[in-house]
Amino acid sequence: LLQAVLDPDQTYTAAEVEKIIAGFKKG
């Protein structure tokens, strides 16, 4: 999921990634 969703040129905090994962699962 992270390989598909995250932008390689951007940085993220652990909290941001957890929100991204949760949002994707609720899709």
PDB file of all heavy atoms in Angstrom:
ATOM      1  N   LEU A   1       0.829  -1.203   0.000  1.00  0.00           N
ATOM      2  CA  LEU A   1       0.000   0.000   0.000  1.00  0.00           C
ATOM      3  C   LEU A   1       0.867   1.259   0.000  1.00  0.00           C
ATOM      4  O   LEU A   1       0.638   2.182  -0.782  1.00  0.00           O
ATOM      5  CB  LEU A   1      -0.930   0.001   1.215  1.00  0.00           C
ATOM      6  CG  LEU A   1      -1.670   1.295   1.509  1.00  0.00           C
ATOM      7  CD1 LEU A   1      -2.635   1.629   0.390  1.00  0.00           C
ATOM      8  CD2 LEU A   1      -2.399   1.202   2.830  1.00  0.00           C
ATOM      9  N   LEU A   2       1.874   1.275   0.859  1.00  0.00           N
ATOM     10  CA  LEU A   2       2.744   2.447   0.957  1.00  0.00           C
ATOM     11  C   LEU A   2       3.513   2.682  -0.337  1.00  0.00           C
ATOM     12  O   LEU A   2       3.678   3.819  -0.768  1.00  0.00           O
ATOM     13  CB  LEU A   2       3.711   2.302   2.133  1.00  0.00           C
ATOM     14  CG  LEU A   2       3.068   2.254   3.517  1.00  0.00           C
ATOM     15  CD1 LEU A   2       4.131   2.074   4.580  1.00  0.00           C
ATOM     16  CD2 LEU A   2       2.238   3.492   3.779  1.00  0.00           C
ATOM     17  N   GLN A   3       3.961   1.622  -0.970  1.00  0.00           N
ATOM     18  CA  GLN A   3       4.687   1.773  -2.223  1.00  0.00           C
ATOM     19  C   GLN A   3       3.799   2.365  -3.306  1.00  0.00           C
ATOM     20  O   GLN A   3       4.258   3.125  -4.153  1.00  0.00           O
ATOM     21  CB  GLN A   3       5.271   0.440  -2.679  1.00  0.00           C
ATOM     22  CG  GLN A   3       6.443   0.007  -1.839  1.00  0.00           C
ATOM     23  CD  GLN A   3       7.032  -1.319  -2.287  1.00  0.00           C
ATOM     24  OE1 GLN A   3       6.430  -2.062  -3.050  1.00  0.00           O
ATOM     25  NE2 GLN A   3       8.225  -1.614  -1.792  1.00  0.00           N
ATOM     26  N   ALA A   4       2.513   2.051  -3.272  1.00  0.00           N
ATOM     27  CA  ALA A   4       1.583   2.564  -4.272  1.00  0.00           C
ATOM     28  C   ALA A   4       1.133   3.988  -3.971  1.00  0.00           C
ATOM     29  O   ALA A   4       0.917   4.776  -4.893  1.00  0.00           O
ATOM     30  CB  ALA A   4       0.367   1.645  -4.354  1.00  0.00           C
ATOM     31  N   VAL A   5       0.994   4.339  -2.710  1.00  0.00           N
ATOM     32  CA  VAL A   5       0.364   5.601  -2.333  1.00  0.00           C
ATOM     33  C   VAL A   5       1.364   6.726  -2.055  1.00  0.00           C
ATOM     34  O   VAL A   5       1.102   7.877  -2.402  1.00  0.00           O
ATOM     35  CB  VAL A   5      -0.542   5.382  -1.097  1.00  0.00           C
ATOM     36  CG1 VAL A   5      -1.113   6.680  -0.594  1.00  0.00           C
ATOM     37  CG2 VAL A   5      -1.665   4.411  -1.436  1.00  0.00           C
ATOM     38  N   LEU A   6       2.490   6.430  -1.440  1.00  0.00           N
ATOM     39  CA  LEU A   6       3.417   7.488  -1.024  1.00  0.00           C
ATOM     40  C   LEU A   6       4.213   8.049  -2.190  1.00  0.00           C
ATOM     41  O   LEU A   6       4.590   7.332  -3.115  1.00  0.00           O
ATOM     42  CB  LEU A   6       4.378   6.966   0.041  1.00  0.00           C
ATOM     43  CG  LEU A   6       3.767   6.501   1.352  1.00  0.00           C
ATOM     44  CD1 LEU A   6       4.870   6.066   2.309  1.00  0.00           C
ATOM     45  CD2 LEU A   6       2.907   7.570   1.987  1.00  0.00           C
ATOM     46  N   ASP A   7       4.492   9.344  -2.119  1.00  0.00           N
ATOM     47  CA  ASP A   7       5.285  10.051  -3.118  1.00  0.00           C
ATOM     48  C   ASP A   7       6.767   9.906  -2.751  1.00  0.00           C
ATOM     49  O   ASP A   7       7.159  10.233  -1.621  1.00  0.00           O
ATOM     50  CB  ASP A   7       4.882  11.523  -3.128  1.00  0.00           C
ATOM     51  CG  ASP A   7       5.610  12.346  -4.161  1.00  0.00           C
ATOM     52  OD1 ASP A   7       6.380  11.781  -4.964  1.00  0.00           O
ATOM     53  OD2 ASP A   7       5.407  13.571  -4.175  1.00  0.00           O
ATOM     54  N   PRO A   8       7.605   9.444  -3.672  1.00  0.00           N
ATOM     55  CA  PRO A   8       9.022   9.231  -3.335  1.00  0.00           C
ATOM     56  C   PRO A   8       9.792  10.514  -3.034  1.00  0.00           C
ATOM     57  O   PRO A   8      10.848  10.466  -2.407  1.00  0.00           O
ATOM     58  CB  PRO A   8       9.586   8.538  -4.575  1.00  0.00           C
ATOM     59  CG  PRO A   8       8.632   8.829  -5.665  1.00  0.00           C
ATOM     60  CD  PRO A   8       7.291   9.056  -5.036  1.00  0.00           C
ATOM     61  N   ASP A   9       9.283  11.651  -3.457  1.00  0.00           N
ATOM     62  CA  ASP A   9       9.980  12.916  -3.235  1.00  0.00           C
ATOM     63  C   ASP A   9       9.521  13.645  -1.989  1.00  0.00           C
ATOM     64  O   ASP A   9       9.973  14.751  -1.713  1.00  0.00           O
ATOM     65  CB  ASP A   9       9.778  13.835  -4.446  1.00  0.00           C
ATOM     66  CG  ASP A   9      10.359  13.240  -5.716  1.00  0.00           C
ATOM     67  OD1 ASP A   9      11.396  12.552  -5.622  1.00  0.00           O
ATOM     68  OD2 ASP A   9       9.773  13.449  -6.789  1.00  0.00           O
ATOM     69  N   GLN A  10       8.628  13.030  -1.217  1.00  0.00           N
ATOM     70  CA  GLN A  10       8.076  13.668  -0.031  1.00  0.00           C
ATOM     71  C   GLN A  10       8.498  12.890   1.216  1.00  0.00           C
ATOM     72  O   GLN A  10       8.838  11.711   1.135  1.00  0.00           O
ATOM     73  CB  GLN A  10       6.546  13.669  -0.128  1.00  0.00           C
ATOM     74  CG  GLN A  10       5.910  14.888   0.410  1.00  0.00           C
ATOM     75  CD  GLN A  10       4.403  14.887   0.144  1.00  0.00           C
ATOM     76  OE1 GLN A  10       3.869  14.045  -0.561  1.00  0.00           O
ATOM     77  NE2 GLN A  10       3.727  15.831   0.730  1.00  0.00           N
ATOM     78  N   THR A  11       8.480  13.563   2.374  1.00  0.00           N
ATOM     79  CA  THR A  11       8.753  12.886   3.637  1.00  0.00           C
ATOM     80  C   THR A  11       7.487  12.900   4.480  1.00  0.00           C
ATOM     81  O   THR A  11       6.627  13.765   4.316  1.00  0.00           O
ATOM     82  CB  THR A  11       9.899  13.576   4.406  1.00  0.00           C
ATOM     83  OG1 THR A  11       9.569  14.933   4.635  1.00  0.00           O
ATOM     84  CG2 THR A  11      11.210  13.456   3.643  1.00  0.00           C
ATOM     85  N   TYR A  12       7.381  11.937   5.385  1.00  0.00           N
ATOM     86  CA  TYR A  12       6.173  11.750   6.186  1.00  0.00           C
ATOM     87  C   TYR A  12       6.556  11.421   7.624  1.00  0.00           C
ATOM     88  O   TYR A  12       7.580  10.786   7.862  1.00  0.00           O
ATOM     89  CB  TYR A  12       5.347  10.570   5.640  1.00  0.00           C
ATOM     90  CG  TYR A  12       5.000  10.680   4.182  1.00  0.00           C
ATOM     91  CD1 TYR A  12       5.853  10.201   3.205  1.00  0.00           C
ATOM     92  CD2 TYR A  12       3.805  11.249   3.775  1.00  0.00           C
ATOM     93  CE1 TYR A  12       5.526  10.296   1.861  1.00  0.00           C
ATOM     94  CE2 TYR A  12       3.468  11.345   2.433  1.00  0.00           C
ATOM     95  CZ  TYR A  12       4.334  10.864   1.484  1.00  0.00           C
ATOM     96  OH  TYR A  12       4.003  10.967   0.160  1.00  0.00           O
ATOM     97  N   THR A  13       5.691  11.805   8.562  1.00  0.00           N
ATOM     98  CA  THR A  13       5.849  11.352   9.939  1.00  0.00           C
ATOM     99  C   THR A  13       5.091  10.041  10.075  1.00  0.00           C
ATOM    100  O   THR A  13       4.247   9.704   9.233  1.00  0.00           O
ATOM    101  CB  THR A  13       5.279  12.378  10.939  1.00  0.00           C
ATOM    102  OG1 THR A  13       3.878  12.505  10.724  1.00  0.00           O
ATOM    103  CG2 THR A  13       5.964  13.731  10.820  1.00  0.00           C
ATOM    104  N   ALA A  14       5.363   9.307  11.148  1.00  0.00           N
ATOM    105  CA  ALA A  14       4.665   8.044  11.385  1.00  0.00           C
ATOM    106  C   ALA A  14       3.165   8.283  11.533  1.00  0.00           C
ATOM    107  O   ALA A  14       2.348   7.512  11.029  1.00  0.00           O
ATOM    108  CB  ALA A  14       5.229   7.353  12.616  1.00  0.00           C
ATOM    109  N   ALA A  15       2.791   9.382  12.179  1.00  0.00           N
ATOM    110  CA  ALA A  15       1.376   9.701  12.367  1.00  0.00           C
ATOM    111  C   ALA A  15       0.693   9.978  11.032  1.00  0.00           C
ATOM    112  O   ALA A  15      -0.447   9.547  10.814  1.00  0.00           O
ATOM    113  CB  ALA A  15       1.232  10.899  13.295  1.00  0.00           C
ATOM    114  N   GLU A  16       1.372  10.677  10.140  1.00  0.00           N
ATOM    115  CA  GLU A  16       0.809  10.952   8.815  1.00  0.00           C
ATOM    116  C   GLU A  16       0.584   9.662   8.037  1.00  0.00           C
ATOM    117  O   GLU A  16      -0.445   9.495   7.381  1.00  0.00           O
ATOM    118  CB  GLU A  16       1.732  11.872   8.010  1.00  0.00           C
ATOM    119  CG  GLU A  16       1.792  13.295   8.508  1.00  0.00           C
ATOM    120  CD  GLU A  16       2.839  14.130   7.808  1.00  0.00           C
ATOM    121  OE1 GLU A  16       3.827  13.577   7.274  1.00  0.00           O
ATOM    122  OE2 GLU A  16       2.674  15.359   7.809  1.00  0.00           O
ATOM    123  N   VAL A  17       1.525   8.752   8.111  1.00  0.00           N
ATOM    124  CA  VAL A  17       1.409   7.481   7.395  1.00  0.00           C
ATOM    125  C   VAL A  17       0.256   6.652   7.959  1.00  0.00           C
ATOM    126  O   VAL A  17      -0.504   6.038   7.200  1.00  0.00           O
ATOM    127  CB  VAL A  17       2.738   6.694   7.449  1.00  0.00           C
ATOM    128  CG1 VAL A  17       2.588   5.313   6.835  1.00  0.00           C
ATOM    129  CG2 VAL A  17       3.831   7.466   6.732  1.00  0.00           C
ATOM    130  N   GLU A  18       0.098   6.658   9.280  1.00  0.00           N
ATOM    131  CA  GLU A  18      -1.020   5.930   9.882  1.00  0.00           C
ATOM    132  C   GLU A  18      -2.353   6.499   9.415  1.00  0.00           C
ATOM    133  O   GLU A  18      -3.292   5.748   9.151  1.00  0.00           O
ATOM    134  CB  GLU A  18      -0.901   5.973  11.401  1.00  0.00           C
ATOM    135  CG  GLU A  18       0.233   5.111  11.917  1.00  0.00           C
ATOM    136  CD  GLU A  18       0.521   5.298  13.391  1.00  0.00           C
ATOM    137  OE1 GLU A  18      -0.152   6.123  14.055  1.00  0.00           O
ATOM    138  OE2 GLU A  18       1.433   4.626  13.893  1.00  0.00           O
ATOM    139  N   LYS A  19      -2.442   7.816   9.259  1.00  0.00           N
ATOM    140  CA  LYS A  19      -3.667   8.444   8.757  1.00  0.00           C
ATOM    141  C   LYS A  19      -3.913   8.076   7.300  1.00  0.00           C
ATOM    142  O   LYS A  19      -5.048   7.843   6.893  1.00  0.00           O
ATOM    143  CB  LYS A  19      -3.590   9.965   8.896  1.00  0.00           C
ATOM    144  CG  LYS A  19      -3.764  10.453  10.303  1.00  0.00           C
ATOM    145  CD  LYS A  19      -3.691  11.964  10.371  1.00  0.00           C
ATOM    146  CE  LYS A  19      -3.764  12.448  11.797  1.00  0.00           C
ATOM    147  NZ  LYS A  19      -3.656  13.914  11.900  1.00  0.00           N
ATOM    148  N   ILE A  20      -2.855   8.019   6.507  1.00  0.00           N
ATOM    149  CA  ILE A  20      -2.982   7.636   5.097  1.00  0.00           C
ATOM    150  C   ILE A  20      -3.491   6.204   4.984  1.00  0.00           C
ATOM    151  O   ILE A  20      -4.394   5.908   4.197  1.00  0.00           O
ATOM    152  CB  ILE A  20      -1.628   7.800   4.365  1.00  0.00           C
ATOM    153  CG1 ILE A  20      -1.271   9.282   4.242  1.00  0.00           C
ATOM    154  CG2 ILE A  20      -1.646   7.127   3.002  1.00  0.00           C
ATOM    155  CD1 ILE A  20       0.142   9.551   3.771  1.00  0.00           C
ATOM    156  N   ILE A  21      -2.930   5.313   5.786  1.00  0.00           N
ATOM    157  CA  ILE A  21      -3.348   3.908   5.772  1.00  0.00           C
ATOM    158  C   ILE A  21      -4.810   3.787   6.195  1.00  0.00           C
ATOM    159  O   ILE A  21      -5.601   3.093   5.547  1.00  0.00           O
ATOM    160  CB  ILE A  21      -2.429   3.055   6.673  1.00  0.00           C
ATOM    161  CG1 ILE A  21      -1.032   2.964   6.069  1.00  0.00           C
ATOM    162  CG2 ILE A  21      -3.015   1.652   6.881  1.00  0.00           C
ATOM    163  CD1 ILE A  21       0.017   2.386   6.992  1.00  0.00           C
ATOM    164  N   ALA A  22      -5.185   4.464   7.268  1.00  0.00           N
ATOM    165  CA  ALA A  22      -6.563   4.412   7.766  1.00  0.00           C
ATOM    166  C   ALA A  22      -7.532   4.960   6.727  1.00  0.00           C
ATOM    167  O   ALA A  22      -8.608   4.393   6.499  1.00  0.00           O
ATOM    168  CB  ALA A  22      -6.684   5.185   9.067  1.00  0.00           C
ATOM    169  N   GLY A  23      -7.177   6.051   6.078  1.00  0.00           N
ATOM    170  CA  GLY A  23      -8.030   6.638   5.055  1.00  0.00           C
ATOM    171  C   GLY A  23      -8.205   5.715   3.861  1.00  0.00           C
ATOM    172  O   GLY A  23      -9.290   5.613   3.293  1.00  0.00           O
ATOM    173  N   PHE A  24      -7.136   5.045   3.495  1.00  0.00           N
ATOM    174  CA  PHE A  24      -7.214   4.116   2.371  1.00  0.00           C
ATOM    175  C   PHE A  24      -8.106   2.925   2.695  1.00  0.00           C
ATOM    176  O   PHE A  24      -8.885   2.476   1.860  1.00  0.00           O
ATOM    177  CB  PHE A  24      -5.812   3.633   1.986  1.00  0.00           C
ATOM    178  CG  PHE A  24      -5.780   2.823   0.734  1.00  0.00           C
ATOM    179  CD1 PHE A  24      -5.728   3.450  -0.504  1.00  0.00           C
ATOM    180  CD2 PHE A  24      -5.819   1.441   0.775  1.00  0.00           C
ATOM    181  CE1 PHE A  24      -5.695   2.713  -1.672  1.00  0.00           C
ATOM    182  CE2 PHE A  24      -5.795   0.690  -0.398  1.00  0.00           C
ATOM    183  CZ  PHE A  24      -5.736   1.326  -1.616  1.00  0.00           C
ATOM    184  N   LYS A  25      -8.001   2.429   3.919  1.00  0.00           N
ATOM    185  CA  LYS A  25      -8.812   1.287   4.326  1.00  0.00           C
ATOM    186  C   LYS A  25     -10.292   1.623   4.400  1.00  0.00           C
ATOM    187  O   LYS A  25     -11.138   0.759   4.221  1.00  0.00           O
ATOM    188  CB  LYS A  25      -8.349   0.750   5.689  1.00  0.00           C
ATOM    189  CG  LYS A  25      -7.043  -0.003   5.614  1.00  0.00           C
ATOM    190  CD  LYS A  25      -6.710  -0.576   6.964  1.00  0.00           C
ATOM    191  CE  LYS A  25      -5.502  -1.455   6.908  1.00  0.00           C
ATOM    192  NZ  LYS A  25      -5.212  -2.060   8.206  1.00  0.00           N
ATOM    193  N   LYS A  26     -10.612   2.890   4.660  1.00  0.00           N
ATOM    194  CA  LYS A  26     -12.007   3.311   4.748  1.00  0.00           C
ATOM    195  C   LYS A  26     -12.595   3.626   3.377  1.00  0.00           C
ATOM    196  O   LYS A  26     -13.766   3.875   3.256  1.00  0.00           O
ATOM    197  CB  LYS A  26     -12.140   4.558   5.626  1.00  0.00           C
ATOM    198  CG  LYS A  26     -11.924   4.274   7.083  1.00  0.00           C
ATOM    199  CD  LYS A  26     -12.110   5.530   7.910  1.00  0.00           C
ATOM    200  CE  LYS A  26     -11.867   5.252   9.356  1.00  0.00           C
ATOM    201  NZ  LYS A  26     -12.037   6.461  10.175  1.00  0.00           N
ATOM    202  N   GLY A  27     -11.756   3.613   2.339  1.00  0.00           N
ATOM    203  CA  GLY A  27     -12.200   3.957   0.993  1.00  0.00           C
ATOM    204  C   GLY A  27     -13.282   3.017   0.491  1.00  0.00           C
ATOM    205  O   GLY A  27     -13.410   1.864   0.915  1.00  0.00           O
TER     206      GLY A  27
END
